[in-house]
Amino acid sequence: MSKSFKQITQDINQALAPLRKESAAAMTGFSTMAKAAMAPGALTELHKELIALAISVSTHCDGCIGFHVKALVRLGATREQIYETLAVAVYMGGGPSLMYAADVLRAYEEFRQT
């Protein structure tokens, strides 16, 4: 099974366009919350994205994996940081998380190629 995480994130962005338009206040609120949660503080933005990636794996969310891996590549996350994050996610989530860890590695390689 092959997935394109670039395509997944593009499709989600496109599918959400009507929601952004028709529910602008709610979507603005979500965006504001996301920006505040991911802003550097005691943890760096990179560390927060690694946490979000681990949650993405444990909840089995393809779209979340795509968006957070894309952000991690932008932030310069190393392969080692990704692997350590996946090890913790798999430890906490078991076999199903291991299957999604494989997807993270594919997404990481895909987004690094741009």
PDB file of N, CA and C in Angstrom:
ATOM      1  N   MET A   1       0.844  -1.173   0.000  1.00  0.00           N
ATOM      2  CA  MET A   1       0.000   0.000   0.000  1.00  0.00           C
ATOM      3  C   MET A   1       0.892   1.241   0.000  1.00  0.00           C
ATOM      4  N   SER A   2       0.664   2.109  -0.934  1.00  0.00           N
ATOM      5  CA  SER A   2       1.457   3.316  -1.044  1.00  0.00           C
ATOM      6  C   SER A   2       0.563   4.533  -0.870  1.00  0.00           C
ATOM      7  N   LYS A   3       1.011   5.453  -0.055  1.00  0.00           N
ATOM      8  CA  LYS A   3       0.287   6.693   0.176  1.00  0.00           C
ATOM      9  C   LYS A   3       1.203   7.849  -0.194  1.00  0.00           C
ATOM     10  N   SER A   4       0.621   8.895  -0.728  1.00  0.00           N
ATOM     11  CA  SER A   4       1.368  10.124  -0.938  1.00  0.00           C
ATOM     12  C   SER A   4       0.904  11.121   0.108  1.00  0.00           C
ATOM     13  N   PHE A   5       1.783  11.434   1.039  1.00  0.00           N
ATOM     14  CA  PHE A   5       1.407  12.354   2.100  1.00  0.00           C
ATOM     15  C   PHE A   5       1.320  13.789   1.597  1.00  0.00           C
ATOM     16  N   LYS A   6       2.049  14.095   0.542  1.00  0.00           N
ATOM     17  CA  LYS A   6       1.867  15.404  -0.090  1.00  0.00           C
ATOM     18  C   LYS A   6       0.451  15.507  -0.648  1.00  0.00           C
ATOM     19  N   GLN A   7       0.004  14.444  -1.300  1.00  0.00           N
ATOM     20  CA  GLN A   7      -1.354  14.438  -1.866  1.00  0.00           C
ATOM     21  C   GLN A   7      -2.398  14.458  -0.765  1.00  0.00           C
ATOM     22  N   ILE A   8      -2.179  13.703   0.295  1.00  0.00           N
ATOM     23  CA  ILE A   8      -3.129  13.680   1.414  1.00  0.00           C
ATOM     24  C   ILE A   8      -3.297  15.083   1.991  1.00  0.00           C
ATOM     25  N   THR A   9      -2.183  15.798   2.232  1.00  0.00           N
ATOM     26  CA  THR A   9      -2.289  17.130   2.819  1.00  0.00           C
ATOM     27  C   THR A   9      -2.927  18.119   1.838  1.00  0.00           C
ATOM     28  N   GLN A  10      -2.624  17.979   0.558  1.00  0.00           N
ATOM     29  CA  GLN A  10      -3.265  18.849  -0.445  1.00  0.00           C
ATOM     30  C   GLN A  10      -4.765  18.583  -0.507  1.00  0.00           C
ATOM     31  N   ASP A  11      -5.144  17.310  -0.507  1.00  0.00           N
ATOM     32  CA  ASP A  11      -6.566  16.956  -0.561  1.00  0.00           C
ATOM     33  C   ASP A  11      -7.322  17.478   0.660  1.00  0.00           C
ATOM     34  N   ILE A  12      -6.718  17.350   1.831  1.00  0.00           N
ATOM     35  CA  ILE A  12      -7.369  17.837   3.049  1.00  0.00           C
ATOM     36  C   ILE A  12      -7.516  19.349   2.997  1.00  0.00           C
ATOM     37  N   ASN A  13      -6.468  20.049   2.600  1.00  0.00           N
ATOM     38  CA  ASN A  13      -6.567  21.511   2.490  1.00  0.00           C
ATOM     39  C   ASN A  13      -7.694  21.914   1.548  1.00  0.00           C
ATOM     40  N   GLN A  14      -7.785  21.233   0.417  1.00  0.00           N
ATOM     41  CA  GLN A  14      -8.830  21.534  -0.556  1.00  0.00           C
ATOM     42  C   GLN A  14     -10.210  21.205   0.006  1.00  0.00           C
ATOM     43  N   ALA A  15     -10.341  20.056   0.659  1.00  0.00           N
ATOM     44  CA  ALA A  15     -11.636  19.643   1.203  1.00  0.00           C
ATOM     45  C   ALA A  15     -12.110  20.563   2.330  1.00  0.00           C
ATOM     46  N   LEU A  16     -11.180  21.162   3.046  1.00  0.00           N
ATOM     47  CA  LEU A  16     -11.542  22.039   4.156  1.00  0.00           C
ATOM     48  C   LEU A  16     -11.845  23.472   3.728  1.00  0.00           C
ATOM     49  N   ALA A  17     -11.587  23.815   2.484  1.00  0.00           N
ATOM     50  CA  ALA A  17     -11.820  25.189   2.010  1.00  0.00           C
ATOM     51  C   ALA A  17     -13.247  25.667   2.277  1.00  0.00           C
ATOM     52  N   PRO A  18     -14.279  24.869   1.983  1.00  0.00           N
ATOM     53  CA  PRO A  18     -15.637  25.338   2.278  1.00  0.00           C
ATOM     54  C   PRO A  18     -15.882  25.540   3.775  1.00  0.00           C
ATOM     55  N   LEU A  19     -15.301  24.689   4.609  1.00  0.00           N
ATOM     56  CA  LEU A  19     -15.467  24.847   6.049  1.00  0.00           C
ATOM     57  C   LEU A  19     -14.800  26.133   6.527  1.00  0.00           C
ATOM     58  N   ARG A  20     -13.632  26.438   5.980  1.00  0.00           N
ATOM     59  CA  ARG A  20     -12.944  27.688   6.336  1.00  0.00           C
ATOM     60  C   ARG A  20     -13.789  28.897   5.958  1.00  0.00           C
ATOM     61  N   LYS A  21     -14.511  28.779   4.843  1.00  0.00           N
ATOM     62  CA  LYS A  21     -15.339  29.897   4.375  1.00  0.00           C
ATOM     63  C   LYS A  21     -16.634  30.006   5.179  1.00  0.00           C
ATOM     64  N   GLU A  22     -17.324  28.899   5.337  1.00  0.00           N
ATOM     65  CA  GLU A  22     -18.650  28.920   5.970  1.00  0.00           C
ATOM     66  C   GLU A  22     -18.597  28.954   7.489  1.00  0.00           C
ATOM     67  N   SER A  23     -17.515  28.489   8.067  1.00  0.00           N
ATOM     68  CA  SER A  23     -17.360  28.502   9.528  1.00  0.00           C
ATOM     69  C   SER A  23     -16.075  29.243   9.883  1.00  0.00           C
ATOM     70  N   ALA A  24     -15.955  30.442   9.345  1.00  0.00           N
ATOM     71  CA  ALA A  24     -14.716  31.211   9.469  1.00  0.00           C
ATOM     72  C   ALA A  24     -14.343  31.471  10.923  1.00  0.00           C
ATOM     73  N   ALA A  25     -15.299  31.808  11.751  1.00  0.00           N
ATOM     74  CA  ALA A  25     -14.984  32.122  13.152  1.00  0.00           C
ATOM     75  C   ALA A  25     -14.425  30.894  13.866  1.00  0.00           C
ATOM     76  N   ALA A  26     -15.059  29.754  13.674  1.00  0.00           N
ATOM     77  CA  ALA A  26     -14.588  28.530  14.328  1.00  0.00           C
ATOM     78  C   ALA A  26     -13.202  28.145  13.809  1.00  0.00           C
ATOM     79  N   MET A  27     -13.002  28.240  12.509  1.00  0.00           N
ATOM     80  CA  MET A  27     -11.711  27.875  11.938  1.00  0.00           C
ATOM     81  C   MET A  27     -10.617  28.851  12.364  1.00  0.00           C
ATOM     82  N   THR A  28     -10.965  30.137  12.495  1.00  0.00           N
ATOM     83  CA  THR A  28     -10.008  31.119  12.996  1.00  0.00           C
ATOM     84  C   THR A  28      -9.646  30.796  14.441  1.00  0.00           C
ATOM     85  N   GLY A  29     -10.646  30.397  15.214  1.00  0.00           N
ATOM     86  CA  GLY A  29     -10.394  30.008  16.599  1.00  0.00           C
ATOM     87  C   GLY A  29      -9.457  28.808  16.677  1.00  0.00           C
ATOM     88  N   PHE A  30      -9.683  27.809  15.819  1.00  0.00           N
ATOM     89  CA  PHE A  30      -8.819  26.629  15.794  1.00  0.00           C
ATOM     90  C   PHE A  30      -7.397  27.027  15.412  1.00  0.00           C
ATOM     91  N   SER A  31      -7.270  27.886  14.413  1.00  0.00           N
ATOM     92  CA  SER A  31      -5.960  28.334  13.960  1.00  0.00           C
ATOM     93  C   SER A  31      -5.238  29.112  15.066  1.00  0.00           C
ATOM     94  N   THR A  32      -5.966  29.953  15.774  1.00  0.00           N
ATOM     95  CA  THR A  32      -5.383  30.716  16.878  1.00  0.00           C
ATOM     96  C   THR A  32      -4.893  29.776  17.977  1.00  0.00           C
ATOM     97  N   MET A  33      -5.701  28.761  18.297  1.00  0.00           N
ATOM     98  CA  MET A  33      -5.304  27.797  19.309  1.00  0.00           C
ATOM     99  C   MET A  33      -4.058  27.035  18.858  1.00  0.00           C
ATOM    100  N   ALA A  34      -4.020  26.615  17.601  1.00  0.00           N
ATOM    101  CA  ALA A  34      -2.869  25.878  17.083  1.00  0.00           C
ATOM    102  C   ALA A  34      -1.602  26.727  17.164  1.00  0.00           C
ATOM    103  N   LYS A  35      -1.694  27.983  16.749  1.00  0.00           N
ATOM    104  CA  LYS A  35      -0.521  28.871  16.788  1.00  0.00           C
ATOM    105  C   LYS A  35      -0.038  29.076  18.215  1.00  0.00           C
ATOM    106  N   ALA A  36      -0.967  29.249  19.148  1.00  0.00           N
ATOM    107  CA  ALA A  36      -0.578  29.446  20.548  1.00  0.00           C
ATOM    108  C   ALA A  36       0.044  28.181  21.125  1.00  0.00           C
ATOM    109  N   ALA A  37      -0.530  27.036  20.821  1.00  0.00           N
ATOM    110  CA  ALA A  37      -0.006  25.772  21.355  1.00  0.00           C
ATOM    111  C   ALA A  37       1.381  25.454  20.810  1.00  0.00           C
ATOM    112  N   MET A  38       1.631  25.816  19.572  1.00  0.00           N
ATOM    113  CA  MET A  38       2.895  25.465  18.939  1.00  0.00           C
ATOM    114  C   MET A  38       3.963  26.554  19.080  1.00  0.00           C
ATOM    115  N   ALA A  39       3.614  27.687  19.656  1.00  0.00           N
ATOM    116  CA  ALA A  39       4.580  28.772  19.828  1.00  0.00           C
ATOM    117  C   ALA A  39       5.693  28.339  20.780  1.00  0.00           C
ATOM    118  N   PRO A  40       6.913  28.745  20.481  1.00  0.00           N
ATOM    119  CA  PRO A  40       8.021  28.390  21.374  1.00  0.00           C
ATOM    120  C   PRO A  40       7.796  28.933  22.787  1.00  0.00           C
ATOM    121  N   GLY A  41       8.148  28.142  23.744  1.00  0.00           N
ATOM    122  CA  GLY A  41       8.056  28.518  25.155  1.00  0.00           C
ATOM    123  C   GLY A  41       9.086  27.695  25.893  1.00  0.00           C
ATOM    124  N   ALA A  42       8.646  26.966  26.919  1.00  0.00           N
ATOM    125  CA  ALA A  42       9.556  26.054  27.617  1.00  0.00           C
ATOM    126  C   ALA A  42      10.010  24.947  26.664  1.00  0.00           C
ATOM    127  N   LEU A  43       9.159  24.609  25.701  1.00  0.00           N
ATOM    128  CA  LEU A  43       9.507  23.658  24.643  1.00  0.00           C
ATOM    129  C   LEU A  43       9.644  24.431  23.333  1.00  0.00           C
ATOM    130  N   THR A  44      10.554  23.994  22.498  1.00  0.00           N
ATOM    131  CA  THR A  44      10.703  24.618  21.189  1.00  0.00           C
ATOM    132  C   THR A  44       9.570  24.166  20.273  1.00  0.00           C
ATOM    133  N   GLU A  45       9.390  24.887  19.183  1.00  0.00           N
ATOM    134  CA  GLU A  45       8.402  24.481  18.187  1.00  0.00           C
ATOM    135  C   GLU A  45       8.724  23.082  17.657  1.00  0.00           C
ATOM    136  N   LEU A  46       9.993  22.796  17.473  1.00  0.00           N
ATOM    137  CA  LEU A  46      10.412  21.475  17.002  1.00  0.00           C
ATOM    138  C   LEU A  46       9.951  20.387  17.976  1.00  0.00           C
ATOM    139  N   HIS A  47      10.199  20.582  19.258  1.00  0.00           N
ATOM    140  CA  HIS A  47       9.789  19.590  20.247  1.00  0.00           C
ATOM    141  C   HIS A  47       8.271  19.419  20.280  1.00  0.00           C
ATOM    142  N   LYS A  48       7.556  20.510  20.139  1.00  0.00           N
ATOM    143  CA  LYS A  48       6.096  20.424  20.124  1.00  0.00           C
ATOM    144  C   LYS A  48       5.605  19.660  18.896  1.00  0.00           C
ATOM    145  N   GLU A  49       6.246  19.860  17.762  1.00  0.00           N
ATOM    146  CA  GLU A  49       5.868  19.120  16.551  1.00  0.00           C
ATOM    147  C   GLU A  49       6.179  17.633  16.703  1.00  0.00           C
ATOM    148  N   LEU A  50       7.272  17.304  17.380  1.00  0.00           N
ATOM    149  CA  LEU A  50       7.582  15.891  17.634  1.00  0.00           C
ATOM    150  C   LEU A  50       6.510  15.252  18.514  1.00  0.00           C
ATOM    151  N   ILE A  51       6.031  15.988  19.507  1.00  0.00           N
ATOM    152  CA  ILE A  51       4.936  15.495  20.351  1.00  0.00           C
ATOM    153  C   ILE A  51       3.687  15.287  19.501  1.00  0.00           C
ATOM    154  N   ALA A  52       3.374  16.265  18.668  1.00  0.00           N
ATOM    155  CA  ALA A  52       2.198  16.151  17.798  1.00  0.00           C
ATOM    156  C   ALA A  52       2.331  14.955  16.861  1.00  0.00           C
ATOM    157  N   LEU A  53       3.539  14.706  16.390  1.00  0.00           N
ATOM    158  CA  LEU A  53       3.757  13.548  15.518  1.00  0.00           C
ATOM    159  C   LEU A  53       3.485  12.249  16.273  1.00  0.00           C
ATOM    160  N   ALA A  54       3.965  12.150  17.497  1.00  0.00           N
ATOM    161  CA  ALA A  54       3.721  10.947  18.297  1.00  0.00           C
ATOM    162  C   ALA A  54       2.224  10.729  18.503  1.00  0.00           C
ATOM    163  N   ILE A  55       1.499  11.785  18.760  1.00  0.00           N
ATOM    164  CA  ILE A  55       0.044  11.676  18.926  1.00  0.00           C
ATOM    165  C   ILE A  55      -0.599  11.272  17.598  1.00  0.00           C
ATOM    166  N   SER A  56      -0.095  11.794  16.496  1.00  0.00           N
ATOM    167  CA  SER A  56      -0.613  11.437  15.174  1.00  0.00           C
ATOM    168  C   SER A  56      -0.483   9.942  14.923  1.00  0.00           C
ATOM    169  N   VAL A  57       0.658   9.388  15.312  1.00  0.00           N
ATOM    170  CA  VAL A  57       0.885   7.949  15.140  1.00  0.00           C
ATOM    171  C   VAL A  57      -0.061   7.164  16.048  1.00  0.00           C
ATOM    172  N   SER A  58      -0.175   7.585  17.299  1.00  0.00           N
ATOM    173  CA  SER A  58      -0.983   6.817  18.248  1.00  0.00           C
ATOM    174  C   SER A  58      -2.470   6.891  17.940  1.00  0.00           C
ATOM    175  N   THR A  59      -2.897   7.944  17.249  1.00  0.00           N
ATOM    176  CA  THR A  59      -4.317   8.066  16.875  1.00  0.00           C
ATOM    177  C   THR A  59      -4.582   7.611  15.443  1.00  0.00           C
ATOM    178  N   HIS A  60      -3.514   7.192  14.753  1.00  0.00           N
ATOM    179  CA  HIS A  60      -3.626   6.619  13.404  1.00  0.00           C
ATOM    180  C   HIS A  60      -4.231   7.605  12.404  1.00  0.00           C
ATOM    181  N   CYS A  61      -3.713   8.819  12.408  1.00  0.00           N
ATOM    182  CA  CYS A  61      -4.260   9.890  11.561  1.00  0.00           C
ATOM    183  C   CYS A  61      -3.295  10.221  10.416  1.00  0.00           C
ATOM    184  N   ASP A  62      -3.629   9.766   9.211  1.00  0.00           N
ATOM    185  CA  ASP A  62      -2.791  10.041   8.040  1.00  0.00           C
ATOM    186  C   ASP A  62      -2.593  11.534   7.802  1.00  0.00           C
ATOM    187  N   GLY A  63      -3.669  12.285   7.877  1.00  0.00           N
ATOM    188  CA  GLY A  63      -3.572  13.725   7.639  1.00  0.00           C
ATOM    189  C   GLY A  63      -2.666  14.398   8.653  1.00  0.00           C
ATOM    190  N   CYS A  64      -2.810  14.025   9.922  1.00  0.00           N
ATOM    191  CA  CYS A  64      -1.969  14.599  10.975  1.00  0.00           C
ATOM    192  C   CYS A  64      -0.504  14.252  10.734  1.00  0.00           C
ATOM    193  N   ILE A  65      -0.246  13.001  10.364  1.00  0.00           N
ATOM    194  CA  ILE A  65       1.132  12.598  10.063  1.00  0.00           C
ATOM    195  C   ILE A  65       1.681  13.487   8.953  1.00  0.00           C
ATOM    196  N   GLY A  66       0.925  13.663   7.893  1.00  0.00           N
ATOM    197  CA  GLY A  66       1.390  14.480   6.775  1.00  0.00           C
ATOM    198  C   GLY A  66       1.709  15.907   7.180  1.00  0.00           C
ATOM    199  N   PHE A  67       0.766  16.553   7.876  1.00  0.00           N
ATOM    200  CA  PHE A  67       0.973  17.956   8.252  1.00  0.00           C
ATOM    201  C   PHE A  67       2.124  18.121   9.242  1.00  0.00           C
ATOM    202  N   HIS A  68       2.254  17.210  10.201  1.00  0.00           N
ATOM    203  CA  HIS A  68       3.310  17.368  11.207  1.00  0.00           C
ATOM    204  C   HIS A  68       4.681  16.969  10.673  1.00  0.00           C
ATOM    205  N   VAL A  69       4.751  15.979   9.805  1.00  0.00           N
ATOM    206  CA  VAL A  69       6.037  15.650   9.183  1.00  0.00           C
ATOM    207  C   VAL A  69       6.475  16.805   8.284  1.00  0.00           C
ATOM    208  N   LYS A  70       5.552  17.376   7.550  1.00  0.00           N
ATOM    209  CA  LYS A  70       5.887  18.529   6.696  1.00  0.00           C
ATOM    210  C   LYS A  70       6.472  19.659   7.551  1.00  0.00           C
ATOM    211  N   ALA A  71       5.846  19.928   8.691  1.00  0.00           N
ATOM    212  CA  ALA A  71       6.354  20.970   9.590  1.00  0.00           C
ATOM    213  C   ALA A  71       7.715  20.592  10.155  1.00  0.00           C
ATOM    214  N   LEU A  72       7.892  19.322  10.499  1.00  0.00           N
ATOM    215  CA  LEU A  72       9.173  18.885  11.055  1.00  0.00           C
ATOM    216  C   LEU A  72      10.299  18.994  10.036  1.00  0.00           C
ATOM    217  N   VAL A  73      10.021  18.696   8.793  1.00  0.00           N
ATOM    218  CA  VAL A  73      11.039  18.868   7.745  1.00  0.00           C
ATOM    219  C   VAL A  73      11.384  20.346   7.621  1.00  0.00           C
ATOM    220  N   ARG A  74      10.364  21.209   7.633  1.00  0.00           N
ATOM    221  CA  ARG A  74      10.596  22.664   7.566  1.00  0.00           C
ATOM    222  C   ARG A  74      11.460  23.137   8.731  1.00  0.00           C
ATOM    223  N   LEU A  75      11.265  22.539   9.908  1.00  0.00           N
ATOM    224  CA  LEU A  75      12.005  22.937  11.102  1.00  0.00           C
ATOM    225  C   LEU A  75      13.380  22.276  11.211  1.00  0.00           C
ATOM    226  N   GLY A  76      13.693  21.396  10.251  1.00  0.00           N
ATOM    227  CA  GLY A  76      15.008  20.772  10.230  1.00  0.00           C
ATOM    228  C   GLY A  76      15.151  19.563  11.144  1.00  0.00           C
ATOM    229  N   ALA A  77      14.050  18.888  11.444  1.00  0.00           N
ATOM    230  CA  ALA A  77      14.126  17.691  12.286  1.00  0.00           C
ATOM    231  C   ALA A  77      15.049  16.665  11.645  1.00  0.00           C
ATOM    232  N   THR A  78      15.825  16.031  12.469  1.00  0.00           N
ATOM    233  CA  THR A  78      16.738  15.009  11.962  1.00  0.00           C
ATOM    234  C   THR A  78      16.044  13.652  11.922  1.00  0.00           C
ATOM    235  N   ARG A  79      16.599  12.784  11.156  1.00  0.00           N
ATOM    236  CA  ARG A  79      16.111  11.401  11.073  1.00  0.00           C
ATOM    237  C   ARG A  79      16.142  10.769  12.471  1.00  0.00           C
ATOM    238  N   GLU A  80      17.188  11.054  13.236  1.00  0.00           N
ATOM    239  CA  GLU A  80      17.313  10.494  14.578  1.00  0.00           C
ATOM    240  C   GLU A  80      16.192  10.985  15.496  1.00  0.00           C
ATOM    241  N   GLN A  81      15.835  12.259  15.388  1.00  0.00           N
ATOM    242  CA  GLN A  81      14.733  12.791  16.193  1.00  0.00           C
ATOM    243  C   GLN A  81      13.411  12.118  15.822  1.00  0.00           C
ATOM    244  N   ILE A  82      13.208  11.915  14.535  1.00  0.00           N
ATOM    245  CA  ILE A  82      11.992  11.227  14.070  1.00  0.00           C
ATOM    246  C   ILE A  82      11.971   9.800  14.623  1.00  0.00           C
ATOM    247  N   TYR A  83      13.092   9.080  14.507  1.00  0.00           N
ATOM    248  CA  TYR A  83      13.149   7.690  14.978  1.00  0.00           C
ATOM    249  C   TYR A  83      12.888   7.595  16.481  1.00  0.00           C
ATOM    250  N   GLU A  84      13.481   8.481  17.265  1.00  0.00           N
ATOM    251  CA  GLU A  84      13.260   8.429  18.713  1.00  0.00           C
ATOM    252  C   GLU A  84      11.807   8.724  19.059  1.00  0.00           C
ATOM    253  N   THR A  85      11.215   9.671  18.361  1.00  0.00           N
ATOM    254  CA  THR A  85       9.798   9.978  18.572  1.00  0.00           C
ATOM    255  C   THR A  85       8.946   8.769  18.243  1.00  0.00           C
ATOM    256  N   LEU A  86       9.258   8.102  17.133  1.00  0.00           N
ATOM    257  CA  LEU A  86       8.492   6.918  16.742  1.00  0.00           C
ATOM    258  C   LEU A  86       8.663   5.783  17.742  1.00  0.00           C
ATOM    259  N   ALA A  87       9.846   5.640  18.292  1.00  0.00           N
ATOM    260  CA  ALA A  87      10.066   4.588  19.284  1.00  0.00           C
ATOM    261  C   ALA A  87       9.153   4.797  20.490  1.00  0.00           C
ATOM    262  N   VAL A  88       9.024   6.031  20.955  1.00  0.00           N
ATOM    263  CA  VAL A  88       8.144   6.319  22.089  1.00  0.00           C
ATOM    264  C   VAL A  88       6.686   6.107  21.695  1.00  0.00           C
ATOM    265  N   ALA A  89       6.299   6.559  20.514  1.00  0.00           N
ATOM    266  CA  ALA A  89       4.913   6.393  20.058  1.00  0.00           C
ATOM    267  C   ALA A  89       4.544   4.921  19.944  1.00  0.00           C
ATOM    268  N   VAL A  90       5.437   4.114  19.407  1.00  0.00           N
ATOM    269  CA  VAL A  90       5.169   2.682  19.264  1.00  0.00           C
ATOM    270  C   VAL A  90       5.130   2.018  20.640  1.00  0.00           C
ATOM    271  N   TYR A  91       6.037   2.396  21.516  1.00  0.00           N
ATOM    272  CA  TYR A  91       6.037   1.874  22.886  1.00  0.00           C
ATOM    273  C   TYR A  91       4.682   2.129  23.550  1.00  0.00           C
ATOM    274  N   MET A  92       4.161   3.328  23.380  1.00  0.00           N
ATOM    275  CA  MET A  92       2.898   3.695  24.022  1.00  0.00           C
ATOM    276  C   MET A  92       1.684   3.156  23.278  1.00  0.00           C
ATOM    277  N   GLY A  93       1.798   2.938  21.976  1.00  0.00           N
ATOM    278  CA  GLY A  93       0.637   2.545  21.185  1.00  0.00           C
ATOM    279  C   GLY A  93       0.629   1.119  20.675  1.00  0.00           C
ATOM    280  N   GLY A  94       1.719   0.395  20.839  1.00  0.00           N
ATOM    281  CA  GLY A  94       1.767  -0.997  20.431  1.00  0.00           C
ATOM    282  C   GLY A  94       1.803  -1.195  18.924  1.00  0.00           C
ATOM    283  N   GLY A  95       1.370  -2.392  18.505  1.00  0.00           N
ATOM    284  CA  GLY A  95       1.432  -2.809  17.108  1.00  0.00           C
ATOM    285  C   GLY A  95       0.761  -1.867  16.127  1.00  0.00           C
ATOM    286  N   PRO A  96      -0.475  -1.393  16.410  1.00  0.00           N
ATOM    287  CA  PRO A  96      -1.096  -0.477  15.455  1.00  0.00           C
ATOM    288  C   PRO A  96      -0.264   0.793  15.226  1.00  0.00           C
ATOM    289  N   SER A  97       0.374   1.288  16.275  1.00  0.00           N
ATOM    290  CA  SER A  97       1.223   2.470  16.106  1.00  0.00           C
ATOM    291  C   SER A  97       2.454   2.151  15.278  1.00  0.00           C
ATOM    292  N   LEU A  98       2.945   0.925  15.379  1.00  0.00           N
ATOM    293  CA  LEU A  98       4.090   0.523  14.565  1.00  0.00           C
ATOM    294  C   LEU A  98       3.765   0.613  13.078  1.00  0.00           C
ATOM    295  N   MET A  99       2.548   0.247  12.705  1.00  0.00           N
ATOM    296  CA  MET A  99       2.137   0.320  11.303  1.00  0.00           C
ATOM    297  C   MET A  99       2.151   1.774  10.822  1.00  0.00           C
ATOM    298  N   TYR A 100       1.716   2.709  11.665  1.00  0.00           N
ATOM    299  CA  TYR A 100       1.711   4.117  11.297  1.00  0.00           C
ATOM    300  C   TYR A 100       3.103   4.733  11.377  1.00  0.00           C
ATOM    301  N   ALA A 101       3.986   4.159  12.179  1.00  0.00           N
ATOM    302  CA  ALA A 101       5.373   4.617  12.203  1.00  0.00           C
ATOM    303  C   ALA A 101       6.008   4.433  10.831  1.00  0.00           C
ATOM    304  N   ALA A 102       5.668   3.331  10.163  1.00  0.00           N
ATOM    305  CA  ALA A 102       6.162   3.110   8.799  1.00  0.00           C
ATOM    306  C   ALA A 102       5.680   4.226   7.875  1.00  0.00           C
ATOM    307  N   ASP A 103       4.442   4.669   8.069  1.00  0.00           N
ATOM    308  CA  ASP A 103       3.922   5.770   7.256  1.00  0.00           C
ATOM    309  C   ASP A 103       4.692   7.064   7.517  1.00  0.00           C
ATOM    310  N   VAL A 104       5.073   7.313   8.753  1.00  0.00           N
ATOM    311  CA  VAL A 104       5.852   8.514   9.073  1.00  0.00           C
ATOM    312  C   VAL A 104       7.165   8.507   8.302  1.00  0.00           C
ATOM    313  N   LEU A 105       7.830   7.367   8.274  1.00  0.00           N
ATOM    314  CA  LEU A 105       9.107   7.294   7.560  1.00  0.00           C
ATOM    315  C   LEU A 105       8.926   7.560   6.072  1.00  0.00           C
ATOM    316  N   ARG A 106       7.849   7.054   5.493  1.00  0.00           N
ATOM    317  CA  ARG A 106       7.569   7.343   4.077  1.00  0.00           C
ATOM    318  C   ARG A 106       7.272   8.827   3.882  1.00  0.00           C
ATOM    319  N   ALA A 107       6.478   9.409   4.779  1.00  0.00           N
ATOM    320  CA  ALA A 107       6.143  10.835   4.670  1.00  0.00           C
ATOM    321  C   ALA A 107       7.392  11.697   4.811  1.00  0.00           C
ATOM    322  N   TYR A 108       8.263  11.343   5.744  1.00  0.00           N
ATOM    323  CA  TYR A 108       9.490  12.103   5.961  1.00  0.00           C
ATOM    324  C   TYR A 108      10.335  12.135   4.695  1.00  0.00           C
ATOM    325  N   GLU A 109      10.521  10.990   4.078  1.00  0.00           N
ATOM    326  CA  GLU A 109      11.292  10.939   2.835  1.00  0.00           C
ATOM    327  C   GLU A 109      10.605  11.717   1.721  1.00  0.00           C
ATOM    328  N   GLU A 110       9.291  11.623   1.657  1.00  0.00           N
ATOM    329  CA  GLU A 110       8.542  12.329   0.611  1.00  0.00           C
ATOM    330  C   GLU A 110       8.673  13.835   0.747  1.00  0.00           C
ATOM    331  N   PHE A 111       8.518  14.379   1.944  1.00  0.00           N
ATOM    332  CA  PHE A 111       8.593  15.819   2.133  1.00  0.00           C
ATOM    333  C   PHE A 111      10.027  16.330   2.049  1.00  0.00           C
ATOM    334  N   ARG A 112      11.012  15.507   2.356  1.00  0.00           N
ATOM    335  CA  ARG A 112      12.410  15.927   2.248  1.00  0.00           C
ATOM    336  C   ARG A 112      12.819  16.102   0.790  1.00  0.00           C
ATOM    337  N   GLN A 113      12.114  15.485  -0.121  1.00  0.00           N
ATOM    338  CA  GLN A 113      12.467  15.546  -1.541  1.00  0.00           C
ATOM    339  C   GLN A 113      12.029  16.844  -2.198  1.00  0.00           C
ATOM    340  N   THR A 114      11.322  17.694  -1.494  1.00  0.00           N
ATOM    341  CA  THR A 114      10.888  18.958  -2.106  1.00  0.00           C
ATOM    342  C   THR A 114      11.839  20.080  -1.850  1.00  0.00           C
TER     343      THR A 114
END
